[in-house]
């Protein structure tokens, strides 16, 4: 009898765990902008549309984390329809294990991501439907520099999910959606909260090559880049200048202007390596660059898990508690990737 009871108890625990995972619903949002037109740089580039979009691994890494955690993922965009992946990412991450299963080939040989071919329009998602989502995740990529910051439907989604006690997260350029987000009392969501996102230093370092001749790394001379890791070996427009001229702004500047406590880590410029960096301030989770897509999603899911634990203990102030359970951490260039070490934490009431 004891053996039977133990077996039944084990089955019950497994069923409960599976049921819990099925209640994890993620709303992942990508850009609709697939090209932009330089106004600076060499004459051969000025006025010629260049590819942009969301950055491949920021979507594929985060999507894989959420699916492996048992979550369902709905992909949306400001306008709906095609959410274009920046075509440069396909070559750069051709052998990435999380990306390969999610990438397909068209008859002409070009790559695409089926999951983002027909996204849900943000405006079609009602407030009632938002109640079914647990995590909001904004995927970065330079395309989001043009259509995230001032989209009223994105701001509505952010406000409703935040005020419902849900997790709001973004990686790289994705926090552009949060810069001007306001709550019901017209206060800024980001003011006074620790955050990260693609830094001015990263824009300066990478900006001259991004979206022009491909990312500079050894072996990609065929795309028009010279061998070497320095953007000085690429010729193209200066992205910080382009953002200012084309109605956008640098993410770091925007976050600071809105009152956010901006934090970043130095990068390994010598090896073309984006050092992962994640800042979690309560239910707000942000990652600095493409190297943090996986870690940002992991931190977002862990935050969701902790929130559910607090609710199950019937904590009357769980939403306020959730805003303080993890202190933001800033790493130096020598530090390992940042994660909030809260696994196994049991909230107290």
Protein backbone atom coordinates (compact mmCIF):
# COMPACT_ATOMS: atom_id res chain seq x y z
CA UNK A 1 0.00 0.00 0.00
CA UNK A 2 2.82 2.37 0.85
CA UNK A 3 4.37 1.71 -2.55
CA UNK A 4 1.07 2.37 -4.28
CA UNK A 5 0.55 5.56 -2.28
CA UNK A 6 4.06 6.73 -3.10
CA UNK A 7 3.48 6.04 -6.78
CA UNK A 8 0.18 7.92 -6.76
CA UNK A 9 1.81 10.83 -4.95
CA UNK A 10 4.61 10.92 -7.51
CA UNK A 11 2.11 10.89 -10.38
CA UNK A 12 0.17 13.70 -8.73
CA UNK A 13 3.31 15.79 -8.38
CA UNK A 14 4.26 15.20 -12.02
CA UNK A 15 0.74 16.08 -13.17
CA UNK A 16 0.78 19.23 -11.08
CA UNK A 17 4.13 20.26 -12.50
CA UNK A 18 2.92 19.64 -16.05
CA UNK A 19 -0.27 21.55 -15.41
CA UNK A 20 1.69 24.45 -13.97
CA UNK A 21 3.96 24.62 -17.00
CA UNK A 22 0.99 24.66 -19.36
CA UNK A 23 -0.26 27.79 -17.64
CA UNK A 24 2.89 29.66 -18.66
CA UNK A 25 2.00 31.81 -21.65
CA UNK A 26 4.49 34.15 -23.28
CA UNK A 27 3.77 37.07 -25.60
CA UNK A 28 6.93 37.61 -27.68
CA UNK A 29 7.01 40.76 -29.80
CA UNK A 30 9.21 41.40 -32.83
CA UNK A 31 9.63 44.36 -35.18
CA UNK A 32 7.90 44.84 -38.53
CA UNK A 33 10.72 46.94 -39.98
CA UNK A 34 12.78 44.98 -42.49
CA UNK A 35 14.86 47.66 -44.17
CA UNK A 36 16.15 51.17 -43.73
CA UNK A 37 17.88 53.66 -46.02
CA UNK A 38 21.25 55.17 -45.04
CA UNK A 39 21.79 58.90 -45.44
CA UNK A 40 25.47 58.93 -44.47
CA UNK A 41 28.60 57.00 -45.40
CA UNK A 42 30.10 56.09 -48.79
CA UNK A 43 28.09 57.20 -51.81
CA UNK A 44 27.40 53.62 -52.89
CA UNK A 45 25.38 53.05 -49.70
CA UNK A 46 23.52 56.37 -49.40
CA UNK A 47 19.92 56.06 -50.52
CA UNK A 48 20.13 52.29 -50.99
CA UNK A 49 17.78 50.27 -48.71
CA UNK A 50 19.63 47.98 -46.33
CA UNK A 51 18.29 44.97 -44.40
CA UNK A 52 17.32 45.13 -40.76
CA UNK A 53 14.70 43.38 -38.62
CA UNK A 54 14.89 41.46 -35.37
CA UNK A 55 18.20 39.81 -34.51
CA UNK A 56 17.90 36.08 -35.07
CA UNK A 57 19.29 34.63 -31.84
CA UNK A 58 17.41 37.07 -29.65
CA UNK A 59 14.25 35.39 -30.89
CA UNK A 60 15.46 31.80 -31.28
CA UNK A 61 17.32 31.64 -27.96
CA UNK A 62 14.47 33.16 -25.96
CA UNK A 63 11.84 31.07 -27.77
CA UNK A 64 13.79 27.88 -27.05
CA UNK A 65 14.14 28.75 -23.36
CA UNK A 66 10.41 29.35 -23.00
CA UNK A 67 9.41 26.23 -24.92
CA UNK A 68 11.83 24.07 -22.94
CA UNK A 69 10.23 25.45 -19.77
CA UNK A 70 6.84 24.24 -21.01
CA UNK A 71 5.48 27.64 -22.00
CA UNK A 72 3.31 28.42 -24.99
CA UNK A 73 4.60 31.34 -27.07
CA UNK A 74 2.48 33.75 -29.12
CA UNK A 75 4.48 35.89 -31.54
CA UNK A 76 3.18 39.40 -32.22
CA UNK A 77 4.39 42.63 -33.79
CA UNK A 78 3.18 46.24 -33.91
CA UNK A 79 1.33 45.82 -37.24
CA UNK A 80 1.02 42.05 -37.48
CA UNK A 81 1.98 39.96 -40.48
CA UNK A 82 5.64 39.56 -41.38
CA UNK A 83 8.14 40.05 -38.60
CA UNK A 84 11.37 40.05 -40.60
CA UNK A 85 14.58 38.60 -39.25
CA UNK A 86 17.67 40.63 -40.09
CA UNK A 87 19.12 38.63 -42.98
CA UNK A 88 22.68 39.14 -41.73
CA UNK A 89 21.96 36.92 -38.75
CA UNK A 90 21.33 33.79 -40.82
CA UNK A 91 24.93 33.53 -42.00
CA UNK A 92 26.36 34.62 -38.69
CA UNK A 93 24.45 31.96 -36.73
CA UNK A 94 24.19 29.25 -39.39
CA UNK A 95 25.36 26.57 -36.96
CA UNK A 96 23.62 27.84 -33.84
CA UNK A 97 21.84 24.83 -32.28
CA UNK A 98 18.81 26.82 -31.09
CA UNK A 99 18.37 28.60 -34.41
CA UNK A 100 18.77 25.75 -36.89
CA UNK A 101 15.47 23.99 -36.00
CA UNK A 102 13.54 27.26 -36.35
CA UNK A 103 15.00 28.39 -39.69
CA UNK A 104 13.72 27.23 -43.10
CA UNK A 105 14.73 27.82 -46.72
CA UNK A 106 12.67 29.41 -49.48
CA UNK A 107 12.78 28.06 -53.05
CA UNK A 108 15.32 30.76 -53.93
CA UNK A 109 17.62 29.55 -51.15
CA UNK A 110 17.07 32.47 -48.80
CA UNK A 111 16.48 31.77 -45.12
CA UNK A 112 13.46 32.73 -43.03
CA UNK A 113 11.81 31.92 -39.70
CA UNK A 114 8.31 30.42 -40.21
CA UNK A 115 7.23 31.41 -36.70
CA UNK A 116 7.54 35.11 -37.54
CA UNK A 117 6.02 35.05 -41.03
CA UNK A 118 2.47 35.81 -39.88
CA UNK A 119 2.58 37.45 -36.47
CA UNK A 120 -0.40 38.69 -34.49
CA UNK A 121 -1.06 42.44 -34.67
CA UNK A 122 -0.57 44.07 -31.27
CA UNK A 123 -3.75 46.08 -31.75
CA UNK A 124 -5.84 42.93 -32.17
CA UNK A 125 -4.91 41.61 -28.73
CA UNK A 126 -7.60 42.74 -26.30
CA UNK A 127 -7.04 43.59 -22.66
CA UNK A 128 -9.10 40.54 -21.73
CA UNK A 129 -6.81 38.34 -23.81
CA UNK A 130 -3.75 39.85 -22.15
CA UNK A 131 -4.94 38.36 -18.87
CA UNK A 132 -3.97 34.96 -20.27
CA UNK A 133 -0.30 35.90 -20.66
CA UNK A 134 2.30 35.61 -17.91
CA UNK A 135 5.42 37.01 -19.58
CA UNK A 136 5.87 39.85 -22.07
CA UNK A 137 9.13 39.64 -24.03
CA UNK A 138 10.42 42.22 -26.52
CA UNK A 139 12.92 40.86 -29.03
CA UNK A 140 15.59 43.32 -30.14
CA UNK A 141 17.27 44.03 -33.45
CA UNK A 142 17.82 47.38 -35.11
CA UNK A 143 14.39 47.27 -36.75
CA UNK A 144 12.86 47.91 -33.34
CA UNK A 145 14.67 51.25 -33.21
CA UNK A 146 12.04 52.54 -35.63
CA UNK A 147 8.74 50.98 -34.58
CA UNK A 148 8.83 50.14 -30.86
CA UNK A 149 9.28 53.43 -29.01
CA UNK A 150 6.07 55.24 -29.95
CA UNK A 151 3.58 52.47 -30.68
CA UNK A 152 0.39 53.06 -28.70
CA UNK A 153 -0.67 49.40 -28.77
CA UNK A 154 2.67 48.24 -27.43
CA UNK A 155 2.36 50.80 -24.65
CA UNK A 156 -1.14 49.55 -23.84
CA UNK A 157 0.06 45.96 -23.67
CA UNK A 158 2.95 46.94 -21.41
CA UNK A 159 0.67 48.93 -19.09
CA UNK A 160 -2.00 46.24 -18.81
CA UNK A 161 0.44 43.41 -18.21
CA UNK A 162 2.54 45.38 -15.72
CA UNK A 163 -0.46 46.55 -13.73
CA UNK A 164 -1.77 42.97 -13.73
CA UNK A 165 1.38 41.83 -11.96
CA UNK A 166 2.96 40.09 -14.95
CA UNK A 167 6.62 39.89 -16.00
CA UNK A 168 7.82 42.49 -18.52
CA UNK A 169 11.11 41.73 -20.25
CA UNK A 170 13.19 42.85 -23.23
CA UNK A 171 16.62 42.26 -24.73
CA UNK A 172 19.15 44.36 -26.66
CA UNK A 173 17.21 47.04 -28.62
CA UNK A 174 13.92 45.57 -27.37
CA UNK A 175 13.71 47.98 -24.39
CA UNK A 176 12.93 50.71 -26.93
CA UNK A 177 9.31 49.68 -26.33
CA UNK A 178 9.67 50.58 -22.65
CA UNK A 179 11.31 54.00 -22.97
CA UNK A 180 8.05 55.97 -23.28
CA UNK A 181 5.72 53.46 -21.62
CA UNK A 182 3.36 55.04 -19.09
CA UNK A 183 1.23 53.55 -16.35
CA UNK A 184 -2.41 54.45 -15.64
CA UNK A 185 -1.36 57.32 -13.38
CA UNK A 186 0.75 58.70 -16.27
CA UNK A 187 4.00 57.87 -14.48
CA UNK A 188 6.90 56.34 -16.39
CA UNK A 189 7.29 52.59 -16.08
CA UNK A 190 11.08 52.76 -16.23
CA UNK A 191 11.67 55.76 -13.94
CA UNK A 192 13.69 54.72 -10.91
CA UNK A 193 14.07 51.14 -12.09
CA UNK A 194 17.37 49.46 -12.91
CA UNK A 195 17.63 48.43 -16.55
CA UNK A 196 20.02 47.61 -19.32
CA UNK A 197 19.90 47.49 -23.11
CA UNK A 198 22.17 48.04 -26.10
CA UNK A 199 24.68 50.63 -24.93
CA UNK A 200 25.98 53.76 -26.63
CA UNK A 201 29.45 52.20 -26.60
CA UNK A 202 28.14 49.17 -28.48
CA UNK A 203 26.39 51.40 -31.00
CA UNK A 204 29.61 53.30 -31.61
CA UNK A 205 31.68 50.15 -31.92
CA UNK A 206 29.33 48.16 -34.11
CA UNK A 207 27.43 50.96 -35.75
CA UNK A 208 29.66 51.61 -38.73
CA UNK A 209 29.26 48.05 -40.02
CA UNK A 210 25.76 47.12 -38.91
CA UNK A 211 23.27 46.67 -41.77
CA UNK A 212 25.76 47.88 -44.37
CA UNK A 213 28.27 45.23 -45.37
CA UNK A 214 27.53 42.63 -42.76
CA UNK A 215 29.08 42.14 -39.37
CA UNK A 216 32.87 42.22 -39.46
CA UNK A 217 34.42 38.93 -38.50
CA UNK A 218 37.14 36.71 -40.02
CA UNK A 219 36.08 34.93 -43.17
CA UNK A 220 33.19 37.10 -44.32
CA UNK A 221 35.17 39.14 -46.84
CA UNK A 222 32.74 37.96 -49.53
CA UNK A 223 30.02 40.17 -48.06
CA UNK A 224 32.11 43.26 -48.63
CA UNK A 225 33.88 43.46 -45.30
CA UNK A 226 37.64 43.43 -44.98
CA UNK A 227 39.13 40.71 -42.81
CA UNK A 228 39.42 41.65 -39.17
CA UNK A 229 37.26 42.45 -36.20
CA UNK A 230 37.33 46.23 -36.11
CA UNK A 231 34.45 48.17 -37.66
CA UNK A 232 37.17 50.48 -38.94
CA UNK A 233 37.66 47.81 -41.59
CA UNK A 234 34.07 48.30 -42.72
CA UNK A 235 32.84 51.46 -44.35
CA UNK A 236 29.28 52.57 -43.86
CA UNK A 237 26.95 55.01 -42.11
CA UNK A 238 27.38 56.00 -38.50
CA UNK A 239 24.36 54.43 -36.80
CA UNK A 240 24.05 56.87 -33.87
CA UNK A 241 23.88 59.70 -36.42
CA UNK A 242 21.37 57.77 -38.53
CA UNK A 243 19.05 57.20 -35.58
CA UNK A 244 19.04 60.90 -34.78
CA UNK A 245 18.42 61.89 -38.40
CA UNK A 246 15.64 59.36 -38.95
CA UNK A 247 13.43 60.09 -35.98
CA UNK A 248 14.89 57.67 -33.46
CA UNK A 249 17.42 57.91 -30.64
CA UNK A 250 20.03 55.86 -28.84
CA UNK A 251 18.43 53.41 -26.42
CA UNK A 252 20.76 54.20 -23.52
CA UNK A 253 20.04 57.92 -23.91
CA UNK A 254 16.30 57.30 -24.06
CA UNK A 255 16.24 55.15 -20.94
CA UNK A 256 18.25 57.69 -18.97
CA UNK A 257 16.05 60.56 -20.16
CA UNK A 258 12.99 58.64 -18.91
CA UNK A 259 14.54 58.22 -15.47
CA UNK A 260 15.76 54.64 -15.67
CA UNK A 261 18.83 53.58 -13.72
CA UNK A 262 20.81 52.42 -16.74
CA UNK A 263 23.46 49.75 -16.20
CA UNK A 264 25.79 48.09 -18.68
CA UNK A 265 28.90 45.97 -18.82
CA UNK A 266 31.99 46.43 -20.92
CA UNK A 267 32.30 44.25 -23.99
CA UNK A 268 35.10 42.12 -25.37
CA UNK A 269 35.87 44.28 -28.39
CA UNK A 270 38.99 42.27 -29.25
CA UNK A 271 37.11 39.06 -30.08
CA UNK A 272 33.77 40.30 -31.41
CA UNK A 273 31.98 38.82 -28.45
CA UNK A 274 28.84 40.16 -26.82
CA UNK A 275 29.20 39.58 -23.11
CA UNK A 276 25.81 38.57 -21.64
CA UNK A 277 24.44 40.96 -19.04
CA UNK A 278 21.00 40.81 -17.44
CA UNK A 279 19.47 43.21 -14.94
CA UNK A 280 16.35 42.21 -13.04
CA UNK A 281 14.51 44.78 -10.97
CA UNK A 282 11.50 42.97 -9.60
CA UNK A 283 9.20 42.04 -12.48
CA UNK A 284 11.21 44.10 -14.98
CA UNK A 285 13.90 42.01 -16.72
CA UNK A 286 16.24 43.41 -19.37
CA UNK A 287 19.25 42.09 -21.27
CA UNK A 288 21.99 44.22 -22.77
CA UNK A 289 22.80 42.71 -26.15
CA UNK A 290 22.42 39.71 -28.51
CA UNK A 291 24.57 37.62 -26.19
CA UNK A 292 21.91 37.87 -23.47
CA UNK A 293 18.84 36.53 -25.27
CA UNK A 294 18.94 33.17 -23.53
CA UNK A 295 19.80 34.59 -20.10
CA UNK A 296 17.10 37.27 -20.30
CA UNK A 297 14.46 34.65 -21.07
CA UNK A 298 15.72 32.44 -18.25
CA UNK A 299 15.51 35.33 -15.79
CA UNK A 300 12.02 36.25 -17.03
CA UNK A 301 10.78 32.69 -16.59
CA UNK A 302 12.40 32.42 -13.16
CA UNK A 303 10.64 35.64 -12.15
CA UNK A 304 7.31 34.20 -13.31
CA UNK A 305 8.00 31.04 -11.29
CA UNK A 306 8.74 33.06 -8.16
CA UNK A 307 5.58 35.12 -8.60
CA UNK A 308 3.49 31.95 -8.75
CA UNK A 309 5.15 30.69 -5.59
CA UNK A 310 4.22 33.88 -3.78
CA UNK A 311 0.63 33.67 -4.98
CA UNK A 312 0.29 30.06 -3.89
CA UNK A 313 1.31 31.04 -0.37
CA UNK A 314 -1.55 33.58 -0.40
CA UNK A 315 0.73 36.51 0.24
CA UNK A 316 -1.54 39.57 0.35
CA UNK A 317 1.24 41.86 -0.88
CA UNK A 318 2.78 39.57 -3.48
CA UNK A 319 2.78 42.20 -6.22
CA UNK A 320 4.62 44.73 -4.07
CA UNK A 321 6.94 42.01 -2.82
CA UNK A 322 7.74 41.05 -6.40
CA UNK A 323 9.12 44.51 -7.04
CA UNK A 324 11.85 44.06 -4.45
CA UNK A 325 12.82 40.41 -4.27
CA UNK A 326 15.90 40.75 -6.47
CA UNK A 327 18.46 43.51 -6.27
CA UNK A 328 19.94 44.61 -9.60
CA UNK A 329 23.59 43.74 -10.13
CA UNK A 330 26.13 45.35 -12.41
CA UNK A 331 29.06 43.32 -13.64
CA UNK A 332 32.51 44.40 -14.74
CA UNK A 333 34.22 43.19 -17.88
CA UNK A 334 35.85 40.37 -15.95
CA UNK A 335 32.67 39.08 -14.33
CA UNK A 336 30.70 36.04 -15.52
CA UNK A 337 27.20 36.55 -16.98
CA UNK A 338 24.86 38.04 -14.39
CA UNK A 339 21.86 36.11 -13.11
CA UNK A 340 19.81 36.78 -10.03
CA UNK A 341 20.56 33.87 -7.73
CA UNK A 342 17.06 33.14 -6.49
CA UNK A 343 16.50 29.53 -7.52
CA UNK A 344 14.97 27.64 -4.63
CA UNK A 345 13.97 30.81 -2.81
CA UNK A 346 10.78 30.36 -0.78
CA UNK A 347 8.93 33.66 -0.29
CA UNK A 348 7.77 34.51 3.20
CA UNK A 349 4.37 35.96 4.07
